[in-house]
Protein backbone atom coordinates (compact mmCIF):
# COMPACT_ATOMS: atom_id res chain seq x y z
CA UNK A 1 0.00 0.00 0.00
CA UNK A 2 1.46 3.33 -1.06
CA UNK A 3 1.33 6.08 1.58
CA UNK A 4 1.15 9.65 0.32
CA UNK A 5 3.61 12.26 1.57
CA UNK A 6 0.69 14.43 2.79
CA UNK A 7 -0.53 11.61 5.07
CA UNK A 8 3.00 11.10 6.38
CA UNK A 9 3.26 14.83 7.09
CA UNK A 10 0.05 14.83 9.13
CA UNK A 11 1.06 11.88 11.31
CA UNK A 12 4.88 12.04 11.39
CA UNK A 13 5.62 15.76 10.99
CA UNK A 14 9.30 16.56 11.68
CA UNK A 15 10.29 12.91 12.22
CA UNK A 16 12.49 10.27 10.63
CA UNK A 17 10.23 7.61 9.14
CA UNK A 18 11.61 4.13 8.48
CA UNK A 19 9.71 1.83 6.15
CA UNK A 20 10.18 -1.72 4.89
CA UNK A 21 10.50 -0.55 1.25
CA UNK A 22 10.14 2.74 -0.66
CA UNK A 23 6.53 3.94 -0.27
CA UNK A 24 5.88 0.89 1.90
CA UNK A 25 4.62 0.14 5.39
CA UNK A 26 5.95 2.39 8.17
CA UNK A 27 8.10 0.30 10.51
CA UNK A 28 9.30 2.98 12.96
CA UNK A 29 9.22 6.74 13.42
CA UNK A 30 11.07 9.06 15.78
CA UNK A 31 12.64 12.51 15.96
CA UNK A 32 15.88 10.72 16.89
CA UNK A 33 17.26 8.62 14.02
CA UNK A 34 19.12 6.25 16.35
CA UNK A 35 15.96 5.45 18.32
CA UNK A 36 14.04 4.83 15.10
CA UNK A 37 16.70 2.34 13.91
CA UNK A 38 16.66 0.51 17.27
CA UNK A 39 12.86 0.26 17.10
CA UNK A 40 13.04 -1.12 13.54
CA UNK A 41 15.72 -3.68 14.52
CA UNK A 42 13.50 -4.93 17.37
CA UNK A 43 10.81 -5.60 14.77
CA UNK A 44 13.29 -7.54 12.61
CA UNK A 45 14.07 -4.96 9.92
CA UNK A 46 17.85 -4.74 9.51
CA UNK A 47 18.04 -2.23 6.64
CA UNK A 48 14.86 -0.12 6.40
CA UNK A 49 14.30 2.80 4.03
CA UNK A 50 14.85 6.16 5.79
CA UNK A 51 12.90 9.30 4.98
CA UNK A 52 12.82 12.61 6.87
CA UNK A 53 9.35 14.15 6.84
CA UNK A 54 9.48 17.95 6.87
CA UNK A 55 7.20 19.67 9.40
CA UNK A 56 3.86 20.61 7.89
CA UNK A 57 3.58 24.24 6.81
CA UNK A 58 7.32 24.96 6.98
CA UNK A 59 8.87 27.60 4.77
CA UNK A 60 12.45 26.96 3.75
CA UNK A 61 14.80 29.93 3.79
CA UNK A 62 18.09 29.55 1.98
CA UNK A 63 21.17 31.69 2.42
CA UNK A 64 23.27 32.21 -0.68
CA UNK A 65 26.87 33.31 -0.37
CA UNK A 66 28.60 34.62 -3.47
CA UNK A 67 32.29 35.40 -3.63
CA UNK A 68 33.95 37.18 -6.53
CA UNK A 69 37.64 36.52 -7.09
CA UNK A 70 40.03 38.22 -9.50
PDB file of N, CA and C in Angstrom:
ATOM      1  N   UNK A   1       0.841  -1.187   0.000  1.00  0.00           N
ATOM      2  CA  UNK A   1       0.000   0.000   0.000  1.00  0.00           C
ATOM      3  C   UNK A   1       0.880   1.242   0.000  1.00  0.00           C
ATOM      4  N   UNK A   2       0.665   2.110  -0.955  1.00  0.00           N
ATOM      5  CA  UNK A   2       1.458   3.326  -1.059  1.00  0.00           C
ATOM      6  C   UNK A   2       0.878   4.401  -0.139  1.00  0.00           C
ATOM      7  N   UNK A   3       1.746   5.026   0.662  1.00  0.00           N
ATOM      8  CA  UNK A   3       1.335   6.075   1.580  1.00  0.00           C
ATOM      9  C   UNK A   3       1.763   7.412   0.984  1.00  0.00           C
ATOM     10  N   UNK A   4       0.826   8.352   0.899  1.00  0.00           N
ATOM     11  CA  UNK A   4       1.150   9.653   0.317  1.00  0.00           C
ATOM     12  C   UNK A   4       1.979  10.477   1.297  1.00  0.00           C
ATOM     13  N   UNK A   5       2.753  11.401   0.743  1.00  0.00           N
ATOM     14  CA  UNK A   5       3.606  12.261   1.572  1.00  0.00           C
ATOM     15  C   UNK A   5       2.754  13.154   2.466  1.00  0.00           C
ATOM     16  N   UNK A   6       1.579  13.574   1.988  1.00  0.00           N
ATOM     17  CA  UNK A   6       0.686  14.427   2.786  1.00  0.00           C
ATOM     18  C   UNK A   6       0.210  13.696   4.039  1.00  0.00           C
ATOM     19  N   UNK A   7      -0.099  12.400   3.903  1.00  0.00           N
ATOM     20  CA  UNK A   7      -0.527  11.607   5.067  1.00  0.00           C
ATOM     21  C   UNK A   7       0.626  11.429   6.046  1.00  0.00           C
ATOM     22  N   UNK A   8       1.832  11.217   5.515  1.00  0.00           N
ATOM     23  CA  UNK A   8       3.005  11.102   6.383  1.00  0.00           C
ATOM     24  C   UNK A   8       3.233  12.401   7.138  1.00  0.00           C
ATOM     25  N   UNK A   9       3.046  13.533   6.459  1.00  0.00           N
ATOM     26  CA  UNK A   9       3.255  14.830   7.095  1.00  0.00           C
ATOM     27  C   UNK A   9       2.275  15.072   8.229  1.00  0.00           C
ATOM     28  N   UNK A  10       1.043  14.637   8.072  1.00  0.00           N
ATOM     29  CA  UNK A  10       0.045  14.834   9.128  1.00  0.00           C
ATOM     30  C   UNK A  10       0.382  14.020  10.368  1.00  0.00           C
ATOM     31  N   UNK A  11       0.826  12.782  10.171  1.00  0.00           N
ATOM     32  CA  UNK A  11       1.057  11.884  11.306  1.00  0.00           C
ATOM     33  C   UNK A  11       2.477  11.955  11.855  1.00  0.00           C
ATOM     34  N   UNK A  12       3.473  12.108  10.980  1.00  0.00           N
ATOM     35  CA  UNK A  12       4.879  12.043  11.387  1.00  0.00           C
ATOM     36  C   UNK A  12       5.632  13.337  11.083  1.00  0.00           C
ATOM     37  N   UNK A  13       5.027  14.466  11.298  1.00  0.00           N
ATOM     38  CA  UNK A  13       5.621  15.763  10.986  1.00  0.00           C
ATOM     39  C   UNK A  13       6.919  15.994  11.768  1.00  0.00           C
ATOM     40  N   UNK A  14       8.015  16.283  11.051  1.00  0.00           N
ATOM     41  CA  UNK A  14       9.301  16.560  11.680  1.00  0.00           C
ATOM     42  C   UNK A  14      10.008  15.337  12.232  1.00  0.00           C
ATOM     43  N   UNK A  15       9.702  14.156  11.707  1.00  0.00           N
ATOM     44  CA  UNK A  15      10.292  12.912  12.222  1.00  0.00           C
ATOM     45  C   UNK A  15      11.004  12.141  11.111  1.00  0.00           C
ATOM     46  N   UNK A  16      11.881  11.237  11.540  1.00  0.00           N
ATOM     47  CA  UNK A  16      12.487  10.271  10.626  1.00  0.00           C
ATOM     48  C   UNK A  16      11.534   9.088  10.554  1.00  0.00           C
ATOM     49  N   UNK A  17      11.148   8.718   9.343  1.00  0.00           N
ATOM     50  CA  UNK A  17      10.225   7.609   9.142  1.00  0.00           C
ATOM     51  C   UNK A  17      10.979   6.483   8.454  1.00  0.00           C
ATOM     52  N   UNK A  18      10.965   5.300   9.054  1.00  0.00           N
ATOM     53  CA  UNK A  18      11.613   4.125   8.484  1.00  0.00           C
ATOM     54  C   UNK A  18      10.530   3.186   7.979  1.00  0.00           C
ATOM     55  N   UNK A  19      10.683   2.734   6.730  1.00  0.00           N
ATOM     56  CA  UNK A  19       9.706   1.828   6.147  1.00  0.00           C
ATOM     57  C   UNK A  19      10.399   0.599   5.586  1.00  0.00           C
ATOM     58  N   UNK A  20       9.611  -0.457   5.360  1.00  0.00           N
ATOM     59  CA  UNK A  20      10.178  -1.716   4.887  1.00  0.00           C
ATOM     60  C   UNK A  20      10.679  -1.624   3.450  1.00  0.00           C
ATOM     61  N   UNK A  21      10.065  -0.780   2.632  1.00  0.00           N
ATOM     62  CA  UNK A  21      10.500  -0.555   1.248  1.00  0.00           C
ATOM     63  C   UNK A  21      10.052   0.849   0.845  1.00  0.00           C
ATOM     64  N   UNK A  22      10.577   1.402  -0.254  1.00  0.00           N
ATOM     65  CA  UNK A  22      10.142   2.743  -0.661  1.00  0.00           C
ATOM     66  C   UNK A  22       8.623   2.794  -0.839  1.00  0.00           C
ATOM     67  N   UNK A  23       7.991   3.786  -0.249  1.00  0.00           N
ATOM     68  CA  UNK A  23       6.529   3.941  -0.269  1.00  0.00           C
ATOM     69  C   UNK A  23       5.815   2.731   0.329  1.00  0.00           C
ATOM     70  N   UNK A  24       6.465   2.063   1.275  1.00  0.00           N
ATOM     71  CA  UNK A  24       5.875   0.888   1.898  1.00  0.00           C
ATOM     72  C   UNK A  24       5.342   1.156   3.287  1.00  0.00           C
ATOM     73  N   UNK A  25       5.172   0.070   4.036  1.00  0.00           N
ATOM     74  CA  UNK A  25       4.624   0.138   5.388  1.00  0.00           C
ATOM     75  C   UNK A  25       5.612   0.808   6.335  1.00  0.00           C
ATOM     76  N   UNK A  26       5.110   1.716   7.190  1.00  0.00           N
ATOM     77  CA  UNK A  26       5.951   2.395   8.169  1.00  0.00           C
ATOM     78  C   UNK A  26       6.305   1.406   9.275  1.00  0.00           C
ATOM     79  N   UNK A  27       7.603   1.236   9.505  1.00  0.00           N
ATOM     80  CA  UNK A  27       8.099   0.299  10.505  1.00  0.00           C
ATOM     81  C   UNK A  27       8.366   1.009  11.823  1.00  0.00           C
ATOM     82  N   UNK A  28       8.965   2.208  11.754  1.00  0.00           N
ATOM     83  CA  UNK A  28       9.298   2.976  12.955  1.00  0.00           C
ATOM     84  C   UNK A  28       9.360   4.455  12.596  1.00  0.00           C
ATOM     85  N   UNK A  29       9.126   5.299  13.618  1.00  0.00           N
ATOM     86  CA  UNK A  29       9.219   6.744  13.415  1.00  0.00           C
ATOM     87  C   UNK A  29       9.658   7.395  14.712  1.00  0.00           C
ATOM     88  N   UNK A  30      10.582   8.349  14.603  1.00  0.00           N
ATOM     89  CA  UNK A  30      11.072   9.058  15.779  1.00  0.00           C
ATOM     90  C   UNK A  30      11.777  10.332  15.337  1.00  0.00           C
ATOM     91  N   UNK A  31      11.874  11.289  16.248  1.00  0.00           N
ATOM     92  CA  UNK A  31      12.636  12.511  15.958  1.00  0.00           C
ATOM     93  C   UNK A  31      14.133  12.218  16.049  1.00  0.00           C
ATOM     94  N   UNK A  32      14.496  11.145  16.733  1.00  0.00           N
ATOM     95  CA  UNK A  32      15.882  10.719  16.887  1.00  0.00           C
ATOM     96  C   UNK A  32      16.109   9.528  15.957  1.00  0.00           C
ATOM     97  N   UNK A  33      17.026   9.673  15.005  1.00  0.00           N
ATOM     98  CA  UNK A  33      17.258   8.620  14.015  1.00  0.00           C
ATOM     99  C   UNK A  33      17.752   7.330  14.655  1.00  0.00           C
ATOM    100  N   UNK A  34      18.609   7.432  15.672  1.00  0.00           N
ATOM    101  CA  UNK A  34      19.120   6.245  16.355  1.00  0.00           C
ATOM    102  C   UNK A  34      18.016   5.439  17.016  1.00  0.00           C
ATOM    103  N   UNK A  35      17.088   6.125  17.672  1.00  0.00           N
ATOM    104  CA  UNK A  35      15.960   5.447  18.323  1.00  0.00           C
ATOM    105  C   UNK A  35      15.070   4.757  17.297  1.00  0.00           C
ATOM    106  N   UNK A  36      14.871   5.416  16.157  1.00  0.00           N
ATOM    107  CA  UNK A  36      14.044   4.831  15.104  1.00  0.00           C
ATOM    108  C   UNK A  36      14.680   3.548  14.570  1.00  0.00           C
ATOM    109  N   UNK A  37      16.015   3.542  14.381  1.00  0.00           N
ATOM    110  CA  UNK A  37      16.697   2.336  13.908  1.00  0.00           C
ATOM    111  C   UNK A  37      16.608   1.209  14.934  1.00  0.00           C
ATOM    112  N   UNK A  38      16.759   1.534  16.226  1.00  0.00           N
ATOM    113  CA  UNK A  38      16.656   0.507  17.267  1.00  0.00           C
ATOM    114  C   UNK A  38      15.262  -0.106  17.288  1.00  0.00           C
ATOM    115  N   UNK A  39      14.245   0.736  17.122  1.00  0.00           N
ATOM    116  CA  UNK A  39      12.865   0.260  17.100  1.00  0.00           C
ATOM    117  C   UNK A  39      12.625  -0.662  15.902  1.00  0.00           C
ATOM    118  N   UNK A  40      13.188  -0.302  14.743  1.00  0.00           N
ATOM    119  CA  UNK A  40      13.041  -1.122  13.541  1.00  0.00           C
ATOM    120  C   UNK A  40      13.774  -2.452  13.690  1.00  0.00           C
ATOM    121  N   UNK A  41      14.962  -2.439  14.316  1.00  0.00           N
ATOM    122  CA  UNK A  41      15.717  -3.678  14.523  1.00  0.00           C
ATOM    123  C   UNK A  41      14.976  -4.629  15.452  1.00  0.00           C
ATOM    124  N   UNK A  42      14.294  -4.089  16.465  1.00  0.00           N
ATOM    125  CA  UNK A  42      13.504  -4.930  17.370  1.00  0.00           C
ATOM    126  C   UNK A  42      12.392  -5.653  16.618  1.00  0.00           C
ATOM    127  N   UNK A  43      11.877  -5.007  15.571  1.00  0.00           N
ATOM    128  CA  UNK A  43      10.808  -5.599  14.768  1.00  0.00           C
ATOM    129  C   UNK A  43      11.347  -6.516  13.677  1.00  0.00           C
ATOM    130  N   UNK A  44      12.686  -6.621  13.563  1.00  0.00           N
ATOM    131  CA  UNK A  44      13.292  -7.540  12.610  1.00  0.00           C
ATOM    132  C   UNK A  44      13.695  -6.931  11.278  1.00  0.00           C
ATOM    133  N   UNK A  45      13.670  -5.629  11.158  1.00  0.00           N
ATOM    134  CA  UNK A  45      14.074  -4.964   9.917  1.00  0.00           C
ATOM    135  C   UNK A  45      15.500  -4.459  10.075  1.00  0.00           C
ATOM    136  N   UNK A  46      16.436  -5.086   9.376  1.00  0.00           N
ATOM    137  CA  UNK A  46      17.854  -4.744   9.514  1.00  0.00           C
ATOM    138  C   UNK A  46      18.247  -3.514   8.699  1.00  0.00           C
ATOM    139  N   UNK A  47      17.666  -3.337   7.516  1.00  0.00           N
ATOM    140  CA  UNK A  47      18.039  -2.229   6.638  1.00  0.00           C
ATOM    141  C   UNK A  47      16.782  -1.559   6.059  1.00  0.00           C
ATOM    142  N   UNK A  48      16.073  -0.778   6.887  1.00  0.00           N
ATOM    143  CA  UNK A  48      14.857  -0.117   6.396  1.00  0.00           C
ATOM    144  C   UNK A  48      15.167   1.125   5.558  1.00  0.00           C
ATOM    145  N   UNK A  49      14.188   1.582   4.833  1.00  0.00           N
ATOM    146  CA  UNK A  49      14.304   2.801   4.029  1.00  0.00           C
ATOM    147  C   UNK A  49      14.058   3.989   4.952  1.00  0.00           C
ATOM    148  N   UNK A  50      14.952   4.994   4.908  1.00  0.00           N
ATOM    149  CA  UNK A  50      14.851   6.158   5.792  1.00  0.00           C
ATOM    150  C   UNK A  50      14.362   7.368   5.008  1.00  0.00           C
ATOM    151  N   UNK A  51      13.422   8.087   5.601  1.00  0.00           N
ATOM    152  CA  UNK A  51      12.896   9.303   4.981  1.00  0.00           C
ATOM    153  C   UNK A  51      12.633  10.320   6.084  1.00  0.00           C
ATOM    154  N   UNK A  52      13.120  11.546   5.903  1.00  0.00           N
ATOM    155  CA  UNK A  52      12.821  12.607   6.865  1.00  0.00           C
ATOM    156  C   UNK A  52      11.596  13.362   6.366  1.00  0.00           C
ATOM    157  N   UNK A  53      10.582  13.465   7.204  1.00  0.00           N
ATOM    158  CA  UNK A  53       9.346  14.155   6.836  1.00  0.00           C
ATOM    159  C   UNK A  53       9.412  15.577   7.379  1.00  0.00           C
ATOM    160  N   UNK A  54       9.420  16.535   6.475  1.00  0.00           N
ATOM    161  CA  UNK A  54       9.479  17.950   6.870  1.00  0.00           C
ATOM    162  C   UNK A  54       8.235  18.318   7.673  1.00  0.00           C
ATOM    163  N   UNK A  55       8.380  19.206   8.659  1.00  0.00           N
ATOM    164  CA  UNK A  55       7.204  19.666   9.402  1.00  0.00           C
ATOM    165  C   UNK A  55       6.193  20.328   8.470  1.00  0.00           C
ATOM    166  N   UNK A  56       4.928  20.082   8.728  1.00  0.00           N
ATOM    167  CA  UNK A  56       3.859  20.613   7.886  1.00  0.00           C
ATOM    168  C   UNK A  56       3.797  22.134   7.980  1.00  0.00           C
ATOM    169  N   UNK A  57       3.708  22.794   6.842  1.00  0.00           N
ATOM    170  CA  UNK A  57       3.581  24.240   6.811  1.00  0.00           C
ATOM    171  C   UNK A  57       4.886  24.989   7.009  1.00  0.00           C
ATOM    172  N   UNK A  58       6.022  24.325   6.793  1.00  0.00           N
ATOM    173  CA  UNK A  58       7.316  24.965   6.982  1.00  0.00           C
ATOM    174  C   UNK A  58       7.737  25.696   5.710  1.00  0.00           C
ATOM    175  N   UNK A  59       8.331  26.842   5.903  1.00  0.00           N
ATOM    176  CA  UNK A  59       8.868  27.598   4.774  1.00  0.00           C
ATOM    177  C   UNK A  59      10.388  27.510   4.852  1.00  0.00           C
ATOM    178  N   UNK A  60      10.997  27.091   3.772  1.00  0.00           N
ATOM    179  CA  UNK A  60      12.453  26.963   3.745  1.00  0.00           C
ATOM    180  C   UNK A  60      13.078  28.291   3.342  1.00  0.00           C
ATOM    181  N   UNK A  61      14.069  28.706   4.098  1.00  0.00           N
ATOM    182  CA  UNK A  61      14.802  29.931   3.793  1.00  0.00           C
ATOM    183  C   UNK A  61      16.249  29.536   3.526  1.00  0.00           C
ATOM    184  N   UNK A  62      16.738  29.906   2.365  1.00  0.00           N
ATOM    185  CA  UNK A  62      18.091  29.547   1.982  1.00  0.00           C
ATOM    186  C   UNK A  62      18.978  30.787   1.986  1.00  0.00           C
ATOM    187  N   UNK A  63      20.203  30.601   2.434  1.00  0.00           N
ATOM    188  CA  UNK A  63      21.172  31.690   2.421  1.00  0.00           C
ATOM    189  C   UNK A  63      22.162  31.405   1.306  1.00  0.00           C
ATOM    190  N   UNK A  64      22.357  32.376   0.443  1.00  0.00           N
ATOM    191  CA  UNK A  64      23.266  32.210  -0.684  1.00  0.00           C
ATOM    192  C   UNK A  64      24.462  33.124  -0.469  1.00  0.00           C
ATOM    193  N   UNK A  65      25.643  32.534  -0.548  1.00  0.00           N
ATOM    194  CA  UNK A  65      26.868  33.309  -0.371  1.00  0.00           C
ATOM    195  C   UNK A  65      27.618  33.306  -1.701  1.00  0.00           C
ATOM    196  N   UNK A  66      27.906  34.488  -2.197  1.00  0.00           N
ATOM    197  CA  UNK A  66      28.602  34.625  -3.471  1.00  0.00           C
ATOM    198  C   UNK A  66      29.934  35.320  -3.221  1.00  0.00           C
ATOM    199  N   UNK A  67      30.982  34.750  -3.758  1.00  0.00           N
ATOM    200  CA  UNK A  67      32.291  35.400  -3.634  1.00  0.00           C
ATOM    201  C   UNK A  67      32.852  35.638  -5.033  1.00  0.00           C
ATOM    202  N   UNK A  68      33.350  36.827  -5.246  1.00  0.00           N
ATOM    203  CA  UNK A  68      33.946  37.181  -6.531  1.00  0.00           C
ATOM    204  C   UNK A  68      35.455  37.264  -6.360  1.00  0.00           C
ATOM    205  N   UNK A  69      36.172  36.524  -7.171  1.00  0.00           N
ATOM    206  CA  UNK A  69      37.638  36.520  -7.088  1.00  0.00           C
ATOM    207  C   UNK A  69      38.215  37.020  -8.396  1.00  0.00           C
ATOM    208  N   UNK A  70      39.348  37.732  -8.293  1.00  0.00           N
ATOM    209  CA  UNK A  70      40.034  38.216  -9.497  1.00  0.00           C
ATOM    210  C   UNK A  70      41.319  37.471  -9.694  1.00  0.00           C
TER     211      UNK A  70
END
